[in-house]
Amino acid sequence: MKFSVIRSASPYNIILGRSGLRELRAIPSTLHAMMKFPTPRGIATLVTRAATVLECRKREEEQLLTVDEDELTDRTTLDKEKIAPPTKEIY
């Protein structure tokens, strides 16, 4: 497995894609914030710190809120040309 080392502020220690997880034969659980994988000495369990999980969730929520606000402003700025004229009522 090849790794790229990046100097950046991030709440993550490592980012593994599906192929990396498959190569490690790892079973991740986002609900329990842990990952298990086999080693020559048995099953290894990695458990994250609760503070890290909360920080990641907080950043994710902040990003979602800014995206939602941008979409909302795009939807509310309708020109008169974009609004369809009323149709005739048929009795």
PDB file of N, CA and C in Angstrom:
ATOM      1  N   MET A   1       0.843  -1.161   0.000  1.00  0.00           N
ATOM      2  CA  MET A   1       0.000   0.000   0.000  1.00  0.00           C
ATOM      3  C   MET A   1       0.897   1.236   0.000  1.00  0.00           C
ATOM      4  N   LYS A   2       0.582   2.201  -0.863  1.00  0.00           N
ATOM      5  CA  LYS A   2       1.360   3.435  -0.941  1.00  0.00           C
ATOM      6  C   LYS A   2       0.640   4.533  -0.159  1.00  0.00           C
ATOM      7  N   PHE A   3       1.433   5.382   0.497  1.00  0.00           N
ATOM      8  CA  PHE A   3       0.885   6.494   1.264  1.00  0.00           C
ATOM      9  C   PHE A   3       1.424   7.805   0.733  1.00  0.00           C
ATOM     10  N   SER A   4       0.609   8.833   0.776  1.00  0.00           N
ATOM     11  CA  SER A   4       1.037  10.202   0.485  1.00  0.00           C
ATOM     12  C   SER A   4       0.979  10.976   1.788  1.00  0.00           C
ATOM     13  N   VAL A   5       2.083  11.602   2.159  1.00  0.00           N
ATOM     14  CA  VAL A   5       2.135  12.385   3.390  1.00  0.00           C
ATOM     15  C   VAL A   5       1.896  13.843   3.029  1.00  0.00           C
ATOM     16  N   ILE A   6       0.910  14.440   3.671  1.00  0.00           N
ATOM     17  CA  ILE A   6       0.526  15.817   3.384  1.00  0.00           C
ATOM     18  C   ILE A   6       0.571  16.621   4.677  1.00  0.00           C
ATOM     19  N   ARG A   7       1.249  17.747   4.640  1.00  0.00           N
ATOM     20  CA  ARG A   7       1.280  18.636   5.808  1.00  0.00           C
ATOM     21  C   ARG A   7       0.057  19.544   5.727  1.00  0.00           C
ATOM     22  N   SER A   8      -0.912  19.264   6.576  1.00  0.00           N
ATOM     23  CA  SER A   8      -2.144  20.038   6.569  1.00  0.00           C
ATOM     24  C   SER A   8      -2.844  19.863   7.903  1.00  0.00           C
ATOM     25  N   ALA A   9      -3.528  20.910   8.337  1.00  0.00           N
ATOM     26  CA  ALA A   9      -4.323  20.795   9.561  1.00  0.00           C
ATOM     27  C   ALA A   9      -5.558  19.966   9.239  1.00  0.00           C
ATOM     28  N   SER A  10      -5.712  18.860   9.918  1.00  0.00           N
ATOM     29  CA  SER A  10      -6.833  17.965   9.661  1.00  0.00           C
ATOM     30  C   SER A  10      -7.155  17.182  10.919  1.00  0.00           C
ATOM     31  N   PRO A  11      -8.430  16.919  11.166  1.00  0.00           N
ATOM     32  CA  PRO A  11      -8.781  16.091  12.314  1.00  0.00           C
ATOM     33  C   PRO A  11      -8.494  14.608  12.069  1.00  0.00           C
ATOM     34  N   TYR A  12      -8.123  14.251  10.843  1.00  0.00           N
ATOM     35  CA  TYR A  12      -7.888  12.855  10.501  1.00  0.00           C
ATOM     36  C   TYR A  12      -6.406  12.513  10.583  1.00  0.00           C
ATOM     37  N   ASN A  13      -6.091  11.312  11.074  1.00  0.00           N
ATOM     38  CA  ASN A  13      -4.715  10.815  11.073  1.00  0.00           C
ATOM     39  C   ASN A  13      -4.374  10.189   9.736  1.00  0.00           C
ATOM     40  N   ILE A  14      -5.371   9.531   9.142  1.00  0.00           N
ATOM     41  CA  ILE A  14      -5.170   8.834   7.873  1.00  0.00           C
ATOM     42  C   ILE A  14      -6.519   8.737   7.168  1.00  0.00           C
ATOM     43  N   ILE A  15      -6.488   8.765   5.854  1.00  0.00           N
ATOM     44  CA  ILE A  15      -7.703   8.593   5.066  1.00  0.00           C
ATOM     45  C   ILE A  15      -7.500   7.370   4.186  1.00  0.00           C
ATOM     46  N   LEU A  16      -8.325   6.362   4.400  1.00  0.00           N
ATOM     47  CA  LEU A  16      -8.252   5.128   3.615  1.00  0.00           C
ATOM     48  C   LEU A  16      -9.479   5.037   2.718  1.00  0.00           C
ATOM     49  N   GLY A  17      -9.262   4.715   1.471  1.00  0.00           N
ATOM     50  CA  GLY A  17     -10.374   4.487   0.564  1.00  0.00           C
ATOM     51  C   GLY A  17     -10.838   3.041   0.654  1.00  0.00           C
ATOM     52  N   ARG A  18     -11.787   2.698  -0.176  1.00  0.00           N
ATOM     53  CA  ARG A  18     -12.310   1.326  -0.162  1.00  0.00           C
ATOM     54  C   ARG A  18     -11.233   0.304  -0.497  1.00  0.00           C
ATOM     55  N   SER A  19     -10.376   0.656  -1.449  1.00  0.00           N
ATOM     56  CA  SER A  19      -9.328  -0.304  -1.826  1.00  0.00           C
ATOM     57  C   SER A  19      -8.339  -0.508  -0.680  1.00  0.00           C
ATOM     58  N   GLY A  20      -8.027   0.560   0.066  1.00  0.00           N
ATOM     59  CA  GLY A  20      -7.134   0.430   1.224  1.00  0.00           C
ATOM     60  C   GLY A  20      -7.746  -0.421   2.319  1.00  0.00           C
ATOM     61  N   LEU A  21      -9.035  -0.217   2.576  1.00  0.00           N
ATOM     62  CA  LEU A  21      -9.725  -1.032   3.580  1.00  0.00           C
ATOM     63  C   LEU A  21      -9.769  -2.496   3.150  1.00  0.00           C
ATOM     64  N   ARG A  22      -9.999  -2.715   1.856  1.00  0.00           N
ATOM     65  CA  ARG A  22     -10.051  -4.089   1.346  1.00  0.00           C
ATOM     66  C   ARG A  22      -8.683  -4.757   1.473  1.00  0.00           C
ATOM     67  N   GLU A  23      -7.617  -3.996   1.174  1.00  0.00           N
ATOM     68  CA  GLU A  23      -6.268  -4.550   1.268  1.00  0.00           C
ATOM     69  C   GLU A  23      -5.915  -4.909   2.715  1.00  0.00           C
ATOM     70  N   LEU A  24      -6.359  -4.093   3.649  1.00  0.00           N
ATOM     71  CA  LEU A  24      -6.121  -4.386   5.071  1.00  0.00           C
ATOM     72  C   LEU A  24      -7.090  -5.435   5.621  1.00  0.00           C
ATOM     73  N   ARG A  25      -8.125  -5.738   4.840  1.00  0.00           N
ATOM     74  CA  ARG A  25      -9.208  -6.625   5.282  1.00  0.00           C
ATOM     75  C   ARG A  25      -9.849  -6.066   6.546  1.00  0.00           C
ATOM     76  N   ALA A  26     -10.040  -4.739   6.539  1.00  0.00           N
ATOM     77  CA  ALA A  26     -10.544  -4.028   7.712  1.00  0.00           C
ATOM     78  C   ALA A  26     -12.063  -3.912   7.681  1.00  0.00           C
ATOM     79  N   ILE A  27     -12.633  -3.850   8.876  1.00  0.00           N
ATOM     80  CA  ILE A  27     -14.061  -3.638   9.058  1.00  0.00           C
ATOM     81  C   ILE A  27     -14.223  -2.327   9.836  1.00  0.00           C
ATOM     82  N   PRO A  28     -14.579  -1.225   9.154  1.00  0.00           N
ATOM     83  CA  PRO A  28     -14.764   0.036   9.872  1.00  0.00           C
ATOM     84  C   PRO A  28     -16.192   0.178  10.395  1.00  0.00           C
ATOM     85  N   SER A  29     -16.338   0.855  11.511  1.00  0.00           N
ATOM     86  CA  SER A  29     -17.650   1.156  12.069  1.00  0.00           C
ATOM     87  C   SER A  29     -17.682   2.630  12.433  1.00  0.00           C
ATOM     88  N   THR A  30     -18.376   3.428  11.631  1.00  0.00           N
ATOM     89  CA  THR A  30     -18.470   4.850  11.937  1.00  0.00           C
ATOM     90  C   THR A  30     -19.357   5.086  13.150  1.00  0.00           C
ATOM     91  N   LEU A  31     -20.338   4.237  13.350  1.00  0.00           N
ATOM     92  CA  LEU A  31     -21.224   4.366  14.505  1.00  0.00           C
ATOM     93  C   LEU A  31     -20.452   4.227  15.810  1.00  0.00           C
ATOM     94  N   HIS A  32     -19.538   3.262  15.865  1.00  0.00           N
ATOM     95  CA  HIS A  32     -18.755   3.016  17.079  1.00  0.00           C
ATOM     96  C   HIS A  32     -17.393   3.705  17.054  1.00  0.00           C
ATOM     97  N   ALA A  33     -17.084   4.399  15.963  1.00  0.00           N
ATOM     98  CA  ALA A  33     -15.813   5.114  15.798  1.00  0.00           C
ATOM     99  C   ALA A  33     -14.625   4.188  16.035  1.00  0.00           C
ATOM    100  N   MET A  34     -14.681   3.017  15.404  1.00  0.00           N
ATOM    101  CA  MET A  34     -13.578   2.063  15.532  1.00  0.00           C
ATOM    102  C   MET A  34     -13.413   1.266  14.252  1.00  0.00           C
ATOM    103  N   MET A  35     -12.298   0.565  14.158  1.00  0.00           N
ATOM    104  CA  MET A  35     -12.012  -0.278  13.007  1.00  0.00           C
ATOM    105  C   MET A  35     -11.269  -1.519  13.489  1.00  0.00           C
ATOM    106  N   LYS A  36     -11.645  -2.672  12.952  1.00  0.00           N
ATOM    107  CA  LYS A  36     -10.968  -3.932  13.288  1.00  0.00           C
ATOM    108  C   LYS A  36     -10.360  -4.512  12.025  1.00  0.00           C
ATOM    109  N   PHE A  37      -9.180  -5.123  12.195  1.00  0.00           N
ATOM    110  CA  PHE A  37      -8.529  -5.772  11.058  1.00  0.00           C
ATOM    111  C   PHE A  37      -7.610  -6.870  11.577  1.00  0.00           C
ATOM    112  N   PRO A  38      -7.409  -7.922  10.762  1.00  0.00           N
ATOM    113  CA  PRO A  38      -6.568  -9.040  11.206  1.00  0.00           C
ATOM    114  C   PRO A  38      -5.079  -8.707  11.122  1.00  0.00           C
ATOM    115  N   THR A  39      -4.321  -9.231  12.064  1.00  0.00           N
ATOM    116  CA  THR A  39      -2.857  -9.122  12.079  1.00  0.00           C
ATOM    117  C   THR A  39      -2.300 -10.521  12.325  1.00  0.00           C
ATOM    118  N   PRO A  40      -1.007 -10.734  12.157  1.00  0.00           N
ATOM    119  CA  PRO A  40      -0.432 -12.052  12.445  1.00  0.00           C
ATOM    120  C   PRO A  40      -0.619 -12.486  13.907  1.00  0.00           C
ATOM    121  N   ARG A  41      -0.806 -11.527  14.805  1.00  0.00           N
ATOM    122  CA  ARG A  41      -0.965 -11.853  16.228  1.00  0.00           C
ATOM    123  C   ARG A  41      -2.420 -11.876  16.680  1.00  0.00           C
ATOM    124  N   GLY A  42      -3.360 -11.700  15.766  1.00  0.00           N
ATOM    125  CA  GLY A  42      -4.784 -11.690  16.122  1.00  0.00           C
ATOM    126  C   GLY A  42      -5.497 -10.484  15.517  1.00  0.00           C
ATOM    127  N   ILE A  43      -6.663 -10.191  16.049  1.00  0.00           N
ATOM    128  CA  ILE A  43      -7.472  -9.078  15.559  1.00  0.00           C
ATOM    129  C   ILE A  43      -7.065  -7.792  16.275  1.00  0.00           C
ATOM    130  N   ALA A  44      -6.747  -6.760  15.501  1.00  0.00           N
ATOM    131  CA  ALA A  44      -6.406  -5.452  16.068  1.00  0.00           C
ATOM    132  C   ALA A  44      -7.643  -4.563  16.018  1.00  0.00           C
ATOM    133  N   THR A  45      -7.830  -3.762  17.051  1.00  0.00           N
ATOM    134  CA  THR A  45      -8.956  -2.839  17.128  1.00  0.00           C
ATOM    135  C   THR A  45      -8.429  -1.424  17.329  1.00  0.00           C
ATOM    136  N   LEU A  46      -8.788  -0.539  16.420  1.00  0.00           N
ATOM    137  CA  LEU A  46      -8.433   0.872  16.547  1.00  0.00           C
ATOM    138  C   LEU A  46      -9.669   1.636  16.994  1.00  0.00           C
ATOM    139  N   VAL A  47      -9.531   2.391  18.072  1.00  0.00           N
ATOM    140  CA  VAL A  47     -10.640   3.185  18.596  1.00  0.00           C
ATOM    141  C   VAL A  47     -10.228   4.652  18.556  1.00  0.00           C
ATOM    142  N   THR A  48     -11.088   5.496  18.006  1.00  0.00           N
ATOM    143  CA  THR A  48     -10.764   6.918  17.938  1.00  0.00           C
ATOM    144  C   THR A  48     -11.149   7.612  19.232  1.00  0.00           C
ATOM    145  N   ARG A  49     -10.570   8.781  19.420  1.00  0.00           N
ATOM    146  CA  ARG A  49     -10.927   9.591  20.580  1.00  0.00           C
ATOM    147  C   ARG A  49     -12.263  10.266  20.306  1.00  0.00           C
ATOM    148  N   ALA A  50     -13.099  10.386  21.310  1.00  0.00           N
ATOM    149  CA  ALA A  50     -14.414  11.005  21.145  1.00  0.00           C
ATOM    150  C   ALA A  50     -14.287  12.458  20.694  1.00  0.00           C
ATOM    151  N   ALA A  51     -13.264  13.158  21.168  1.00  0.00           N
ATOM    152  CA  ALA A  51     -13.078  14.562  20.787  1.00  0.00           C
ATOM    153  C   ALA A  51     -12.838  14.690  19.289  1.00  0.00           C
ATOM    154  N   THR A  52     -12.099  13.768  18.715  1.00  0.00           N
ATOM    155  CA  THR A  52     -11.824  13.801  17.277  1.00  0.00           C
ATOM    156  C   THR A  52     -13.108  13.585  16.487  1.00  0.00           C
ATOM    157  N   VAL A  53     -13.921  12.636  16.916  1.00  0.00           N
ATOM    158  CA  VAL A  53     -15.180  12.346  16.229  1.00  0.00           C
ATOM    159  C   VAL A  53     -16.094  13.566  16.286  1.00  0.00           C
ATOM    160  N   LEU A  54     -16.199  14.185  17.450  1.00  0.00           N
ATOM    161  CA  LEU A  54     -17.055  15.360  17.594  1.00  0.00           C
ATOM    162  C   LEU A  54     -16.558  16.522  16.735  1.00  0.00           C
ATOM    163  N   GLU A  55     -15.243  16.688  16.655  1.00  0.00           N
ATOM    164  CA  GLU A  55     -14.670  17.755  15.837  1.00  0.00           C
ATOM    165  C   GLU A  55     -14.980  17.521  14.359  1.00  0.00           C
ATOM    166  N   CYS A  56     -14.867  16.285  13.904  1.00  0.00           N
ATOM    167  CA  CYS A  56     -15.165  15.956  12.505  1.00  0.00           C
ATOM    168  C   CYS A  56     -16.634  16.212  12.195  1.00  0.00           C
ATOM    169  N   ARG A  57     -17.515  15.792  13.090  1.00  0.00           N
ATOM    170  CA  ARG A  57     -18.951  15.996  12.872  1.00  0.00           C
ATOM    171  C   ARG A  57     -19.294  17.478  12.856  1.00  0.00           C
ATOM    172  N   LYS A  58     -18.662  18.259  13.744  1.00  0.00           N
ATOM    173  CA  LYS A  58     -18.918  19.696  13.794  1.00  0.00           C
ATOM    174  C   LYS A  58     -18.495  20.356  12.485  1.00  0.00           C
ATOM    175  N   ARG A  59     -17.322  19.999  11.975  1.00  0.00           N
ATOM    176  CA  ARG A  59     -16.853  20.568  10.705  1.00  0.00           C
ATOM    177  C   ARG A  59     -17.768  20.171   9.550  1.00  0.00           C
ATOM    178  N   GLU A  60     -18.232  18.931   9.577  1.00  0.00           N
ATOM    179  CA  GLU A  60     -19.127  18.469   8.519  1.00  0.00           C
ATOM    180  C   GLU A  60     -20.435  19.250   8.550  1.00  0.00           C
ATOM    181  N   GLU A  61     -20.997  19.469   9.748  1.00  0.00           N
ATOM    182  CA  GLU A  61     -22.237  20.225   9.865  1.00  0.00           C
ATOM    183  C   GLU A  61     -22.049  21.661   9.392  1.00  0.00           C
ATOM    184  N   GLU A  62     -20.915  22.274   9.718  1.00  0.00           N
ATOM    185  CA  GLU A  62     -20.640  23.638   9.267  1.00  0.00           C
ATOM    186  C   GLU A  62     -20.592  23.707   7.750  1.00  0.00           C
ATOM    187  N   GLN A  63     -19.976  22.719   7.124  1.00  0.00           N
ATOM    188  CA  GLN A  63     -19.900  22.695   5.662  1.00  0.00           C
ATOM    189  C   GLN A  63     -21.283  22.508   5.058  1.00  0.00           C
ATOM    190  N   LEU A  64     -22.104  21.636   5.655  1.00  0.00           N
ATOM    191  CA  LEU A  64     -23.451  21.409   5.140  1.00  0.00           C
ATOM    192  C   LEU A  64     -24.300  22.665   5.272  1.00  0.00           C
ATOM    193  N   LEU A  65     -24.152  23.397   6.379  1.00  0.00           N
ATOM    194  CA  LEU A  65     -24.928  24.614   6.568  1.00  0.00           C
ATOM    195  C   LEU A  65     -24.571  25.671   5.535  1.00  0.00           C
ATOM    196  N   THR A  66     -23.302  25.826   5.222  1.00  0.00           N
ATOM    197  CA  THR A  66     -22.918  26.834   4.227  1.00  0.00           C
ATOM    198  C   THR A  66     -23.407  26.441   2.844  1.00  0.00           C
ATOM    199  N   VAL A  67     -23.398  25.158   2.518  1.00  0.00           N
ATOM    200  CA  VAL A  67     -23.906  24.703   1.219  1.00  0.00           C
ATOM    201  C   VAL A  67     -25.404  24.949   1.142  1.00  0.00           C
ATOM    202  N   ASP A  68     -26.157  24.631   2.210  1.00  0.00           N
ATOM    203  CA  ASP A  68     -27.603  24.841   2.219  1.00  0.00           C
ATOM    204  C   ASP A  68     -27.953  26.317   2.079  1.00  0.00           C
ATOM    205  N   GLU A  69     -27.212  27.202   2.743  1.00  0.00           N
ATOM    206  CA  GLU A  69     -27.472  28.636   2.638  1.00  0.00           C
ATOM    207  C   GLU A  69     -27.239  29.123   1.215  1.00  0.00           C
ATOM    208  N   ASP A  70     -26.188  28.633   0.557  1.00  0.00           N
ATOM    209  CA  ASP A  70     -25.912  29.020  -0.823  1.00  0.00           C
ATOM    210  C   ASP A  70     -27.028  28.561  -1.753  1.00  0.00           C
ATOM    211  N   GLU A  71     -27.509  27.334  -1.556  1.00  0.00           N
ATOM    212  CA  GLU A  71     -28.592  26.819  -2.390  1.00  0.00           C
ATOM    213  C   GLU A  71     -29.867  27.610  -2.158  1.00  0.00           C
ATOM    214  N   LEU A  72     -30.127  27.990  -0.916  1.00  0.00           N
ATOM    215  CA  LEU A  72     -31.333  28.737  -0.589  1.00  0.00           C
ATOM    216  C   LEU A  72     -31.323  30.101  -1.267  1.00  0.00           C
ATOM    217  N   THR A  73     -30.201  30.797  -1.251  1.00  0.00           N
ATOM    218  CA  THR A  73     -30.137  32.108  -1.908  1.00  0.00           C
ATOM    219  C   THR A  73     -30.264  31.960  -3.417  1.00  0.00           C
ATOM    220  N   ASP A  74     -29.740  30.881  -3.985  1.00  0.00           N
ATOM    221  CA  ASP A  74     -29.883  30.659  -5.423  1.00  0.00           C
ATOM    222  C   ASP A  74     -31.345  30.438  -5.796  1.00  0.00           C
ATOM    223  N   ARG A  75     -32.095  29.763  -4.943  1.00  0.00           N
ATOM    224  CA  ARG A  75     -33.498  29.454  -5.241  1.00  0.00           C
ATOM    225  C   ARG A  75     -34.402  30.662  -5.060  1.00  0.00           C
ATOM    226  N   THR A  76     -34.079  31.564  -4.144  1.00  0.00           N
ATOM    227  CA  THR A  76     -34.962  32.690  -3.859  1.00  0.00           C
ATOM    228  C   THR A  76     -34.754  33.863  -4.800  1.00  0.00           C
ATOM    229  N   THR A  77     -33.705  33.865  -5.571  1.00  0.00           N
ATOM    230  CA  THR A  77     -33.456  34.973  -6.497  1.00  0.00           C
ATOM    231  C   THR A  77     -33.978  34.613  -7.882  1.00  0.00           C
ATOM    232  N   LEU A  78     -35.300  34.576  -8.007  1.00  0.00           N
ATOM    233  CA  LEU A  78     -35.930  34.279  -9.295  1.00  0.00           C
ATOM    234  C   LEU A  78     -36.260  35.582 -10.011  1.00  0.00           C
ATOM    235  N   ASP A  79     -35.961  35.651 -11.263  1.00  0.00           N
ATOM    236  CA  ASP A  79     -36.325  36.806 -12.071  1.00  0.00           C
ATOM    237  C   ASP A  79     -37.768  36.641 -12.528  1.00  0.00           C
ATOM    238  N   LYS A  80     -38.373  37.759 -12.957  1.00  0.00           N
ATOM    239  CA  LYS A  80     -39.743  37.685 -13.452  1.00  0.00           C
ATOM    240  C   LYS A  80     -39.821  36.807 -14.693  1.00  0.00           C
ATOM    241  N   GLU A  81     -38.735  36.762 -15.455  1.00  0.00           N
ATOM    242  CA  GLU A  81     -38.725  35.949 -16.671  1.00  0.00           C
ATOM    243  C   GLU A  81     -38.793  34.462 -16.349  1.00  0.00           C
ATOM    244  N   LYS A  82     -38.278  34.077 -15.196  1.00  0.00           N
ATOM    245  CA  LYS A  82     -38.252  32.664 -14.838  1.00  0.00           C
ATOM    246  C   LYS A  82     -39.583  32.182 -14.265  1.00  0.00           C
ATOM    247  N   ILE A  83     -40.427  33.120 -13.803  1.00  0.00           N
ATOM    248  CA  ILE A  83     -41.707  32.733 -13.215  1.00  0.00           C
ATOM    249  C   ILE A  83     -42.713  32.559 -14.348  1.00  0.00           C
ATOM    250  N   ALA A  84     -43.400  31.433 -14.365  1.00  0.00           N
ATOM    251  CA  ALA A  84     -44.362  31.145 -15.422  1.00  0.00           C
ATOM    252  C   ALA A  84     -45.614  32.001 -15.229  1.00  0.00           C
ATOM    253  N   PRO A  85     -46.217  32.472 -16.339  1.00  0.00           N
ATOM    254  CA  PRO A  85     -47.449  33.265 -16.220  1.00  0.00           C
ATOM    255  C   PRO A  85     -48.597  32.370 -15.753  1.00  0.00           C
ATOM    256  N   PRO A  86     -49.597  32.955 -15.088  1.00  0.00           N
ATOM    257  CA  PRO A  86     -50.716  32.137 -14.615  1.00  0.00           C
ATOM    258  C   PRO A  86     -51.495  31.553 -15.792  1.00  0.00           C
ATOM    259  N   THR A  87     -52.041  30.379 -15.603  1.00  0.00           N
ATOM    260  CA  THR A  87     -52.825  29.731 -16.657  1.00  0.00           C
ATOM    261  C   THR A  87     -54.297  30.083 -16.495  1.00  0.00           C
ATOM    262  N   LYS A  88     -55.059  29.933 -17.575  1.00  0.00           N
ATOM    263  CA  LYS A  88     -56.497  30.213 -17.523  1.00  0.00           C
ATOM    264  C   LYS A  88     -57.202  29.067 -16.819  1.00  0.00           C
ATOM    265  N   GLU A  89     -58.194  29.420 -16.027  1.00  0.00           N
ATOM    266  CA  GLU A  89     -58.973  28.390 -15.343  1.00  0.00           C
ATOM    267  C   GLU A  89     -60.058  27.891 -16.287  1.00  0.00           C
ATOM    268  N   ILE A  90     -60.251  26.593 -16.318  1.00  0.00           N
ATOM    269  CA  ILE A  90     -61.285  25.984 -17.154  1.00  0.00           C
ATOM    270  C   ILE A  90     -62.338  25.417 -16.222  1.00  0.00           C
ATOM    271  N   TYR A  91     -63.590  25.838 -16.445  1.00  0.00           N
ATOM    272  CA  TYR A  91     -64.676  25.379 -15.573  1.00  0.00           C
ATOM    273  C   TYR A  91     -65.288  24.126 -16.078  1.00  0.00           C
TER     274      TYR A  91
END
